[in-house]
N, C-alpha and C. Protein backbone atom coordinates (compact mmCIF):
# COMPACT_ATOMS: atom_id res chain seq x y z
N LEU A 1 -40.39 -54.77 10.56
CA LEU A 1 -39.41 -55.37 9.69
C LEU A 1 -38.10 -54.59 9.68
N ALA A 2 -38.07 -53.45 10.36
CA ALA A 2 -36.88 -52.62 10.38
C ALA A 2 -35.77 -53.27 11.19
N ASP A 3 -34.52 -52.95 10.82
CA ASP A 3 -33.37 -53.42 11.58
C ASP A 3 -33.13 -52.58 12.83
N ALA A 4 -33.52 -51.32 12.77
CA ALA A 4 -33.35 -50.38 13.89
C ALA A 4 -34.40 -49.29 13.76
N VAL A 5 -34.60 -48.56 14.86
CA VAL A 5 -35.58 -47.48 14.89
C VAL A 5 -34.85 -46.17 15.18
N LEU A 6 -35.17 -45.14 14.41
CA LEU A 6 -34.67 -43.79 14.67
C LEU A 6 -35.80 -43.03 15.35
N PHE A 7 -35.63 -42.71 16.61
CA PHE A 7 -36.65 -42.00 17.38
C PHE A 7 -36.22 -40.55 17.47
N VAL A 8 -36.93 -39.66 16.78
CA VAL A 8 -36.58 -38.25 16.71
C VAL A 8 -37.46 -37.46 17.66
N VAL A 9 -36.82 -36.72 18.56
CA VAL A 9 -37.54 -35.88 19.51
C VAL A 9 -37.01 -34.45 19.42
N ASP A 10 -37.81 -33.52 19.89
CA ASP A 10 -37.45 -32.11 19.90
C ASP A 10 -36.63 -31.83 21.16
N ALA A 11 -35.35 -31.59 20.99
CA ALA A 11 -34.46 -31.37 22.14
C ALA A 11 -34.83 -30.11 22.90
N MET A 12 -35.41 -29.12 22.24
CA MET A 12 -35.74 -27.87 22.91
C MET A 12 -36.96 -28.02 23.82
N VAL A 13 -37.77 -29.05 23.60
CA VAL A 13 -38.93 -29.30 24.45
C VAL A 13 -38.56 -30.20 25.62
N GLY A 14 -37.61 -31.10 25.38
CA GLY A 14 -37.24 -32.07 26.40
C GLY A 14 -38.16 -33.27 26.35
N PRO A 15 -37.93 -34.25 27.21
CA PRO A 15 -38.75 -35.46 27.18
C PRO A 15 -40.18 -35.17 27.62
N THR A 16 -41.13 -35.70 26.89
CA THR A 16 -42.55 -35.49 27.21
C THR A 16 -43.17 -36.83 27.63
N SER A 17 -44.37 -36.76 28.16
CA SER A 17 -45.06 -37.99 28.54
C SER A 17 -45.34 -38.84 27.31
N THR A 18 -45.60 -38.21 26.18
CA THR A 18 -45.81 -38.96 24.93
C THR A 18 -44.53 -39.68 24.53
N ASP A 19 -43.40 -39.00 24.64
CA ASP A 19 -42.11 -39.63 24.34
C ASP A 19 -41.91 -40.86 25.23
N GLU A 20 -42.24 -40.75 26.49
CA GLU A 20 -42.07 -41.87 27.41
C GLU A 20 -42.97 -43.05 27.03
N ARG A 21 -44.18 -42.78 26.58
CA ARG A 21 -45.06 -43.86 26.13
C ARG A 21 -44.52 -44.53 24.88
N VAL A 22 -43.98 -43.74 23.96
CA VAL A 22 -43.40 -44.29 22.74
C VAL A 22 -42.18 -45.14 23.08
N VAL A 23 -41.37 -44.70 24.02
CA VAL A 23 -40.18 -45.46 24.43
C VAL A 23 -40.59 -46.84 24.94
N LYS A 24 -41.65 -46.91 25.74
CA LYS A 24 -42.12 -48.21 26.24
C LYS A 24 -42.49 -49.13 25.07
N MET A 25 -43.16 -48.58 24.08
CA MET A 25 -43.55 -49.36 22.91
C MET A 25 -42.30 -49.82 22.14
N LEU A 26 -41.33 -48.92 21.97
CA LEU A 26 -40.12 -49.25 21.23
C LEU A 26 -39.31 -50.33 21.94
N ARG A 27 -39.26 -50.28 23.26
CA ARG A 27 -38.53 -51.31 24.01
C ARG A 27 -39.13 -52.69 23.75
N GLY A 28 -40.44 -52.73 23.61
CA GLY A 28 -41.12 -54.00 23.35
C GLY A 28 -40.84 -54.56 21.97
N SER A 29 -40.34 -53.72 21.07
CA SER A 29 -40.07 -54.17 19.70
C SER A 29 -38.83 -55.06 19.63
N GLY A 30 -37.94 -54.93 20.60
CA GLY A 30 -36.70 -55.70 20.57
C GLY A 30 -35.68 -55.18 19.57
N LYS A 31 -35.97 -54.08 18.93
CA LYS A 31 -35.06 -53.48 17.95
C LYS A 31 -34.17 -52.44 18.61
N PRO A 32 -32.96 -52.25 18.09
CA PRO A 32 -32.13 -51.16 18.60
C PRO A 32 -32.81 -49.82 18.28
N VAL A 33 -32.75 -48.91 19.24
CA VAL A 33 -33.35 -47.58 19.07
C VAL A 33 -32.25 -46.54 19.15
N ILE A 34 -32.19 -45.68 18.15
CA ILE A 34 -31.23 -44.57 18.11
C ILE A 34 -32.03 -43.31 18.41
N LEU A 35 -31.65 -42.64 19.49
CA LEU A 35 -32.36 -41.44 19.93
C LEU A 35 -31.74 -40.21 19.27
N ILE A 36 -32.55 -39.50 18.51
CA ILE A 36 -32.09 -38.32 17.79
C ILE A 36 -32.73 -37.08 18.40
N ALA A 37 -31.87 -36.17 18.86
CA ALA A 37 -32.32 -34.92 19.49
C ALA A 37 -32.27 -33.82 18.44
N ASN A 38 -33.41 -33.51 17.86
CA ASN A 38 -33.49 -32.52 16.78
C ASN A 38 -33.53 -31.09 17.35
N LYS A 39 -33.22 -30.15 16.50
CA LYS A 39 -33.25 -28.70 16.77
C LYS A 39 -32.08 -28.24 17.65
N VAL A 40 -30.98 -28.99 17.59
CA VAL A 40 -29.76 -28.56 18.28
C VAL A 40 -28.89 -27.90 17.21
N ASP A 41 -29.13 -26.62 17.01
CA ASP A 41 -28.51 -25.90 15.90
C ASP A 41 -27.04 -25.57 16.11
N ASP A 42 -26.58 -25.50 17.37
CA ASP A 42 -25.16 -25.21 17.62
C ASP A 42 -24.77 -25.74 18.98
N LEU A 43 -23.49 -25.60 19.32
CA LEU A 43 -22.96 -26.15 20.57
C LEU A 43 -23.66 -25.60 21.81
N ARG A 44 -24.13 -24.37 21.75
CA ARG A 44 -24.79 -23.77 22.92
C ARG A 44 -26.07 -24.50 23.30
N GLN A 45 -26.68 -25.21 22.34
CA GLN A 45 -27.93 -25.90 22.60
C GLN A 45 -27.73 -27.38 22.97
N GLU A 46 -26.51 -27.88 22.90
CA GLU A 46 -26.26 -29.29 23.21
C GLU A 46 -26.68 -29.69 24.62
N PRO A 47 -26.55 -28.83 25.63
CA PRO A 47 -27.03 -29.23 26.96
C PRO A 47 -28.53 -29.58 26.98
N GLU A 48 -29.29 -29.00 26.10
CA GLU A 48 -30.73 -29.32 26.02
C GLU A 48 -30.92 -30.79 25.66
N ALA A 49 -30.06 -31.32 24.81
CA ALA A 49 -30.16 -32.72 24.40
C ALA A 49 -29.84 -33.65 25.56
N ALA A 50 -29.03 -33.21 26.50
CA ALA A 50 -28.63 -34.07 27.63
C ALA A 50 -29.83 -34.49 28.47
N SER A 51 -30.87 -33.69 28.52
CA SER A 51 -32.05 -34.05 29.31
C SER A 51 -32.74 -35.30 28.77
N LEU A 52 -32.45 -35.65 27.53
CA LEU A 52 -33.09 -36.81 26.91
C LEU A 52 -32.49 -38.14 27.38
N TRP A 53 -31.37 -38.09 28.10
CA TRP A 53 -30.83 -39.32 28.69
C TRP A 53 -31.87 -39.96 29.60
N SER A 54 -32.75 -39.14 30.18
CA SER A 54 -33.75 -39.66 31.11
C SER A 54 -34.73 -40.63 30.45
N LEU A 55 -34.79 -40.65 29.14
CA LEU A 55 -35.67 -41.60 28.45
C LEU A 55 -35.13 -43.03 28.51
N GLY A 56 -33.86 -43.17 28.87
CA GLY A 56 -33.28 -44.50 29.04
C GLY A 56 -32.91 -45.20 27.75
N LEU A 57 -32.71 -44.45 26.69
CA LEU A 57 -32.35 -45.03 25.39
C LEU A 57 -30.87 -44.86 25.07
N GLY A 58 -30.11 -44.38 26.03
CA GLY A 58 -28.69 -44.15 25.77
C GLY A 58 -28.44 -42.75 25.23
N GLN A 59 -27.32 -42.62 24.59
CA GLN A 59 -26.87 -41.31 24.11
C GLN A 59 -27.84 -40.70 23.12
N PRO A 60 -28.30 -39.47 23.39
CA PRO A 60 -29.07 -38.75 22.38
C PRO A 60 -28.09 -38.11 21.38
N TYR A 61 -28.36 -38.30 20.10
CA TYR A 61 -27.51 -37.72 19.06
C TYR A 61 -28.07 -36.36 18.68
N PRO A 62 -27.35 -35.27 19.03
CA PRO A 62 -27.85 -33.93 18.69
C PRO A 62 -27.71 -33.65 17.20
N VAL A 63 -28.79 -33.20 16.60
CA VAL A 63 -28.77 -32.86 15.17
C VAL A 63 -29.56 -31.58 14.94
N SER A 64 -29.32 -31.02 13.79
CA SER A 64 -30.12 -29.90 13.30
C SER A 64 -30.58 -30.27 11.90
N ALA A 65 -31.83 -30.60 11.76
CA ALA A 65 -32.35 -30.91 10.43
C ALA A 65 -32.24 -29.69 9.52
N LEU A 66 -32.40 -28.51 10.10
CA LEU A 66 -32.32 -27.28 9.34
C LEU A 66 -30.93 -27.05 8.75
N HIS A 67 -29.89 -27.36 9.53
CA HIS A 67 -28.51 -27.09 9.11
C HIS A 67 -27.73 -28.34 8.69
N GLY A 68 -28.30 -29.52 8.85
CA GLY A 68 -27.61 -30.75 8.50
C GLY A 68 -26.56 -31.16 9.51
N ARG A 69 -26.58 -30.54 10.66
CA ARG A 69 -25.59 -30.81 11.72
C ARG A 69 -25.84 -32.18 12.35
N GLY A 70 -24.79 -32.97 12.56
CA GLY A 70 -24.88 -34.24 13.26
C GLY A 70 -25.25 -35.44 12.41
N VAL A 71 -25.45 -35.26 11.13
CA VAL A 71 -25.89 -36.35 10.26
C VAL A 71 -24.85 -37.47 10.21
N ALA A 72 -23.58 -37.14 10.13
CA ALA A 72 -22.54 -38.16 10.06
C ALA A 72 -22.54 -39.04 11.30
N ASP A 73 -22.79 -38.45 12.46
CA ASP A 73 -22.86 -39.23 13.70
C ASP A 73 -24.02 -40.22 13.67
N ILE A 74 -25.14 -39.80 13.11
CA ILE A 74 -26.31 -40.69 13.02
C ILE A 74 -26.01 -41.84 12.07
N VAL A 75 -25.37 -41.55 10.96
CA VAL A 75 -25.04 -42.61 10.00
C VAL A 75 -24.14 -43.65 10.66
N ARG A 76 -23.16 -43.20 11.44
CA ARG A 76 -22.28 -44.14 12.16
C ARG A 76 -23.07 -44.96 13.17
N ALA A 77 -24.00 -44.35 13.86
CA ALA A 77 -24.81 -45.06 14.85
C ALA A 77 -25.70 -46.11 14.17
N ILE A 78 -26.24 -45.76 13.02
CA ILE A 78 -27.08 -46.71 12.27
C ILE A 78 -26.24 -47.91 11.84
N ARG A 79 -25.07 -47.65 11.32
CA ARG A 79 -24.20 -48.75 10.88
C ARG A 79 -23.83 -49.65 12.05
N ALA A 80 -23.59 -49.06 13.20
CA ALA A 80 -23.20 -49.84 14.38
C ALA A 80 -24.38 -50.67 14.90
N ALA A 81 -25.59 -50.20 14.68
CA ALA A 81 -26.78 -50.89 15.20
C ALA A 81 -27.19 -52.09 14.36
N ARG A 82 -26.71 -52.17 13.14
CA ARG A 82 -27.12 -53.26 12.24
C ARG A 82 -26.47 -54.55 12.58
């Protein structure tokens, strides 16, 4: 019943086989998927998030749940997906 899906992955781990299986399921939902790359605490870690492009969901949004970094970008992406 959701308008969009927020798929949160650990950017420091990179894409996993489990992530790839979840992506296949999410594609079948027909809903927009916003890829969130968690644990990107500062600019030095942003390249880690780039590896998530391989999941085929578009731009990964780097965030740090610990520091609140990137939240405004996610809110804009959610609004655009509706």
